[in-house]
Amino acid sequence: MADILLARSAECMFWLARYVERAENLARILDVDATFARNQRGDQDWLPVLQLNADETRFAEAHDAPTAESVLHFYLLIRPGRS
């Protein structure tokens, strides 16, 4: 019985670490885009973040334009359902 409990705990820790790694990668992408990404006019361009994650369609269902506020809202509050 202890082996089953240990295996279950190990599996949970594996998935937790994987989700934390995904969140860390997304945070790094958002930080880099906020710091460095600019379009030809010098404005911040958030569309590449959506394209990188293939989320343009899902984003368009909830928001009009990819602004800093709307992209952060999308990824921090609306994003469930991704595998």
N, C-alpha and C. Protein backbone atom coordinates (compact mmCIF):
# COMPACT_ATOMS: atom_id res chain seq x y z
N MET A 1 0.82 -1.20 0.00
CA MET A 1 0.00 0.00 0.00
C MET A 1 0.86 1.26 0.00
N ALA A 2 1.98 1.22 0.70
CA ALA A 2 2.87 2.39 0.76
C ALA A 2 3.45 2.69 -0.61
N ASP A 3 3.69 1.65 -1.43
CA ASP A 3 4.22 1.86 -2.77
C ASP A 3 3.24 2.61 -3.65
N ILE A 4 1.96 2.30 -3.52
CA ILE A 4 0.94 2.99 -4.32
C ILE A 4 0.86 4.46 -3.92
N LEU A 5 0.89 4.71 -2.62
CA LEU A 5 0.83 6.09 -2.13
C LEU A 5 2.06 6.88 -2.60
N LEU A 6 3.23 6.24 -2.56
CA LEU A 6 4.45 6.90 -3.00
C LEU A 6 4.40 7.20 -4.49
N ALA A 7 3.90 6.25 -5.28
CA ALA A 7 3.79 6.46 -6.72
C ALA A 7 2.81 7.59 -7.03
N ARG A 8 1.71 7.63 -6.33
CA ARG A 8 0.72 8.69 -6.54
C ARG A 8 1.31 10.06 -6.18
N SER A 9 2.03 10.12 -5.08
CA SER A 9 2.67 11.38 -4.68
C SER A 9 3.72 11.81 -5.69
N ALA A 10 4.49 10.86 -6.19
CA ALA A 10 5.52 11.18 -7.18
C ALA A 10 4.88 11.70 -8.46
N GLU A 11 3.78 11.10 -8.88
CA GLU A 11 3.10 11.56 -10.09
C GLU A 11 2.56 12.98 -9.90
N CYS A 12 1.98 13.25 -8.75
CA CYS A 12 1.47 14.59 -8.47
C CYS A 12 2.59 15.63 -8.47
N MET A 13 3.72 15.28 -7.89
CA MET A 13 4.86 16.21 -7.88
C MET A 13 5.40 16.44 -9.29
N PHE A 14 5.41 15.38 -10.11
CA PHE A 14 5.85 15.53 -11.49
C PHE A 14 4.97 16.53 -12.23
N TRP A 15 3.65 16.37 -12.13
CA TRP A 15 2.74 17.27 -12.85
C TRP A 15 2.79 18.69 -12.28
N LEU A 16 2.92 18.81 -10.98
CA LEU A 16 3.06 20.14 -10.38
C LEU A 16 4.30 20.84 -10.92
N ALA A 17 5.42 20.14 -10.97
CA ALA A 17 6.65 20.73 -11.50
C ALA A 17 6.49 21.11 -12.96
N ARG A 18 5.78 20.30 -13.71
CA ARG A 18 5.56 20.60 -15.13
C ARG A 18 4.71 21.87 -15.31
N TYR A 19 3.65 22.00 -14.52
CA TYR A 19 2.81 23.20 -14.61
C TYR A 19 3.55 24.44 -14.15
N VAL A 20 4.38 24.32 -13.14
CA VAL A 20 5.18 25.46 -12.68
C VAL A 20 6.16 25.87 -13.77
N GLU A 21 6.76 24.89 -14.45
CA GLU A 21 7.68 25.20 -15.54
C GLU A 21 6.96 25.92 -16.68
N ARG A 22 5.75 25.48 -17.02
CA ARG A 22 4.97 26.15 -18.06
C ARG A 22 4.65 27.59 -17.67
N ALA A 23 4.25 27.79 -16.42
CA ALA A 23 3.93 29.14 -15.95
C ALA A 23 5.18 30.03 -15.97
N GLU A 24 6.31 29.46 -15.59
CA GLU A 24 7.56 30.22 -15.62
C GLU A 24 7.93 30.61 -17.05
N ASN A 25 7.77 29.71 -17.99
CA ASN A 25 8.08 30.02 -19.39
C ASN A 25 7.16 31.10 -19.93
N LEU A 26 5.87 31.01 -19.63
CA LEU A 26 4.93 32.04 -20.08
C LEU A 26 5.27 33.39 -19.46
N ALA A 27 5.61 33.40 -18.18
CA ALA A 27 5.98 34.66 -17.51
C ALA A 27 7.22 35.26 -18.16
N ARG A 28 8.18 34.43 -18.52
CA ARG A 28 9.40 34.92 -19.17
C ARG A 28 9.07 35.52 -20.54
N ILE A 29 8.22 34.86 -21.31
CA ILE A 29 7.82 35.36 -22.63
C ILE A 29 7.11 36.71 -22.49
N LEU A 30 6.18 36.80 -21.55
CA LEU A 30 5.45 38.06 -21.34
C LEU A 30 6.38 39.18 -20.90
N ASP A 31 7.35 38.85 -20.05
CA ASP A 31 8.31 39.85 -19.57
C ASP A 31 9.18 40.35 -20.71
N VAL A 32 9.68 39.45 -21.53
CA VAL A 32 10.53 39.85 -22.66
C VAL A 32 9.74 40.70 -23.64
N ASP A 33 8.50 40.30 -23.92
CA ASP A 33 7.69 41.08 -24.86
C ASP A 33 7.40 42.47 -24.29
N ALA A 34 7.10 42.55 -23.02
CA ALA A 34 6.82 43.85 -22.41
C ALA A 34 8.06 44.75 -22.42
N THR A 35 9.23 44.15 -22.34
CA THR A 35 10.46 44.92 -22.27
C THR A 35 11.00 45.33 -23.64
N PHE A 36 10.95 44.39 -24.61
CA PHE A 36 11.69 44.62 -25.85
C PHE A 36 10.86 44.70 -27.13
N ALA A 37 9.69 44.10 -27.19
CA ALA A 37 8.96 43.98 -28.46
C ALA A 37 8.34 45.30 -28.88
N ARG A 38 8.66 45.71 -30.06
CA ARG A 38 8.10 46.93 -30.65
C ARG A 38 7.80 46.67 -32.11
N ASN A 39 6.78 47.33 -32.63
CA ASN A 39 6.49 47.22 -34.06
C ASN A 39 7.19 48.37 -34.80
N GLN A 40 6.86 48.55 -36.09
CA GLN A 40 7.54 49.56 -36.90
C GLN A 40 7.32 50.98 -36.39
N ARG A 41 6.19 51.25 -35.76
CA ARG A 41 5.87 52.59 -35.25
C ARG A 41 6.46 52.83 -33.86
N GLY A 42 7.05 51.79 -33.26
CA GLY A 42 7.59 51.93 -31.92
C GLY A 42 6.61 51.57 -30.83
N ASP A 43 5.41 51.13 -31.21
CA ASP A 43 4.42 50.71 -30.22
C ASP A 43 4.71 49.28 -29.78
N GLN A 44 4.25 48.95 -28.58
CA GLN A 44 4.38 47.57 -28.13
C GLN A 44 3.50 46.68 -28.97
N ASP A 45 4.02 45.52 -29.34
CA ASP A 45 3.30 44.59 -30.18
C ASP A 45 3.10 43.28 -29.42
N TRP A 46 1.87 42.98 -29.06
CA TRP A 46 1.56 41.78 -28.28
C TRP A 46 1.09 40.62 -29.15
N LEU A 47 0.86 40.84 -30.42
CA LEU A 47 0.41 39.77 -31.31
C LEU A 47 1.39 38.61 -31.40
N PRO A 48 2.71 38.82 -31.44
CA PRO A 48 3.63 37.67 -31.51
C PRO A 48 3.50 36.70 -30.33
N VAL A 49 3.14 37.20 -29.16
CA VAL A 49 2.94 36.31 -28.01
C VAL A 49 1.77 35.37 -28.29
N LEU A 50 0.70 35.90 -28.83
CA LEU A 50 -0.46 35.08 -29.17
C LEU A 50 -0.12 34.10 -30.28
N GLN A 51 0.64 34.54 -31.26
CA GLN A 51 1.02 33.67 -32.37
C GLN A 51 1.96 32.57 -31.89
N LEU A 52 2.86 32.88 -30.99
CA LEU A 52 3.80 31.89 -30.46
C LEU A 52 3.07 30.76 -29.77
N ASN A 53 1.99 31.08 -29.08
CA ASN A 53 1.21 30.07 -28.36
C ASN A 53 0.01 29.56 -29.15
N ALA A 54 -0.14 30.02 -30.40
CA ALA A 54 -1.26 29.62 -31.27
C ALA A 54 -2.61 29.91 -30.61
N ASP A 55 -2.73 31.09 -30.04
CA ASP A 55 -3.94 31.47 -29.30
C ASP A 55 -4.71 32.61 -29.95
N GLU A 56 -4.43 32.95 -31.20
CA GLU A 56 -5.09 34.10 -31.82
C GLU A 56 -6.61 33.92 -31.85
N THR A 57 -7.09 32.75 -32.21
CA THR A 57 -8.53 32.52 -32.31
C THR A 57 -9.21 32.61 -30.96
N ARG A 58 -8.64 31.93 -29.97
CA ARG A 58 -9.23 31.97 -28.62
C ARG A 58 -9.19 33.38 -28.04
N PHE A 59 -8.11 34.11 -28.32
CA PHE A 59 -8.00 35.49 -27.84
C PHE A 59 -9.07 36.37 -28.48
N ALA A 60 -9.27 36.20 -29.79
CA ALA A 60 -10.24 37.03 -30.52
C ALA A 60 -11.67 36.80 -30.03
N GLU A 61 -11.95 35.63 -29.49
CA GLU A 61 -13.29 35.36 -28.94
C GLU A 61 -13.57 36.18 -27.69
N ALA A 62 -12.53 36.55 -26.96
CA ALA A 62 -12.72 37.24 -25.68
C ALA A 62 -12.33 38.73 -25.71
N HIS A 63 -11.45 39.10 -26.66
CA HIS A 63 -10.93 40.47 -26.67
C HIS A 63 -10.90 41.02 -28.09
N ASP A 64 -10.88 42.35 -28.19
CA ASP A 64 -10.83 42.99 -29.50
C ASP A 64 -9.41 43.11 -30.05
N ALA A 65 -8.54 43.74 -29.31
CA ALA A 65 -7.19 44.01 -29.79
C ALA A 65 -6.17 43.52 -28.77
N PRO A 66 -5.00 43.05 -29.24
CA PRO A 66 -3.97 42.58 -28.31
C PRO A 66 -3.19 43.72 -27.67
N THR A 67 -3.68 44.21 -26.57
CA THR A 67 -2.98 45.23 -25.78
C THR A 67 -2.33 44.55 -24.59
N ALA A 68 -1.48 45.25 -23.89
CA ALA A 68 -0.81 44.67 -22.72
C ALA A 68 -1.85 44.18 -21.71
N GLU A 69 -2.82 44.99 -21.43
CA GLU A 69 -3.85 44.62 -20.43
C GLU A 69 -4.67 43.41 -20.88
N SER A 70 -5.09 43.40 -22.14
CA SER A 70 -5.94 42.30 -22.61
C SER A 70 -5.18 40.98 -22.72
N VAL A 71 -3.91 41.03 -23.14
CA VAL A 71 -3.12 39.79 -23.25
C VAL A 71 -2.83 39.23 -21.86
N LEU A 72 -2.47 40.09 -20.93
CA LEU A 72 -2.23 39.62 -19.56
C LEU A 72 -3.51 39.06 -18.94
N HIS A 73 -4.62 39.73 -19.16
CA HIS A 73 -5.90 39.23 -18.67
C HIS A 73 -6.21 37.85 -19.26
N PHE A 74 -5.98 37.70 -20.55
CA PHE A 74 -6.24 36.44 -21.25
C PHE A 74 -5.40 35.31 -20.67
N TYR A 75 -4.11 35.53 -20.50
CA TYR A 75 -3.23 34.46 -20.03
C TYR A 75 -3.32 34.21 -18.53
N LEU A 76 -3.64 35.21 -17.78
CA LEU A 76 -3.68 35.02 -16.33
C LEU A 76 -5.05 34.61 -15.80
N LEU A 77 -6.12 34.95 -16.52
CA LEU A 77 -7.45 34.68 -15.99
C LEU A 77 -8.32 33.79 -16.85
N ILE A 78 -8.13 33.77 -18.16
CA ILE A 78 -9.06 33.06 -19.04
C ILE A 78 -8.49 31.78 -19.62
N ARG A 79 -7.23 31.50 -19.50
CA ARG A 79 -6.54 30.50 -20.27
C ARG A 79 -6.86 29.03 -19.95
N PRO A 80 -7.69 28.61 -19.04
CA PRO A 80 -7.84 27.18 -18.76
C PRO A 80 -8.28 26.40 -19.99
N GLY A 81 -7.97 25.11 -19.97
CA GLY A 81 -8.35 24.26 -21.09
C GLY A 81 -7.22 23.89 -21.99
N ARG A 82 -6.04 24.50 -21.80
CA ARG A 82 -4.89 24.13 -22.61
C ARG A 82 -4.25 22.87 -22.05
N SER A 83 -3.71 22.07 -22.91
CA SER A 83 -3.02 20.87 -22.43
C SER A 83 -1.53 21.05 -22.52
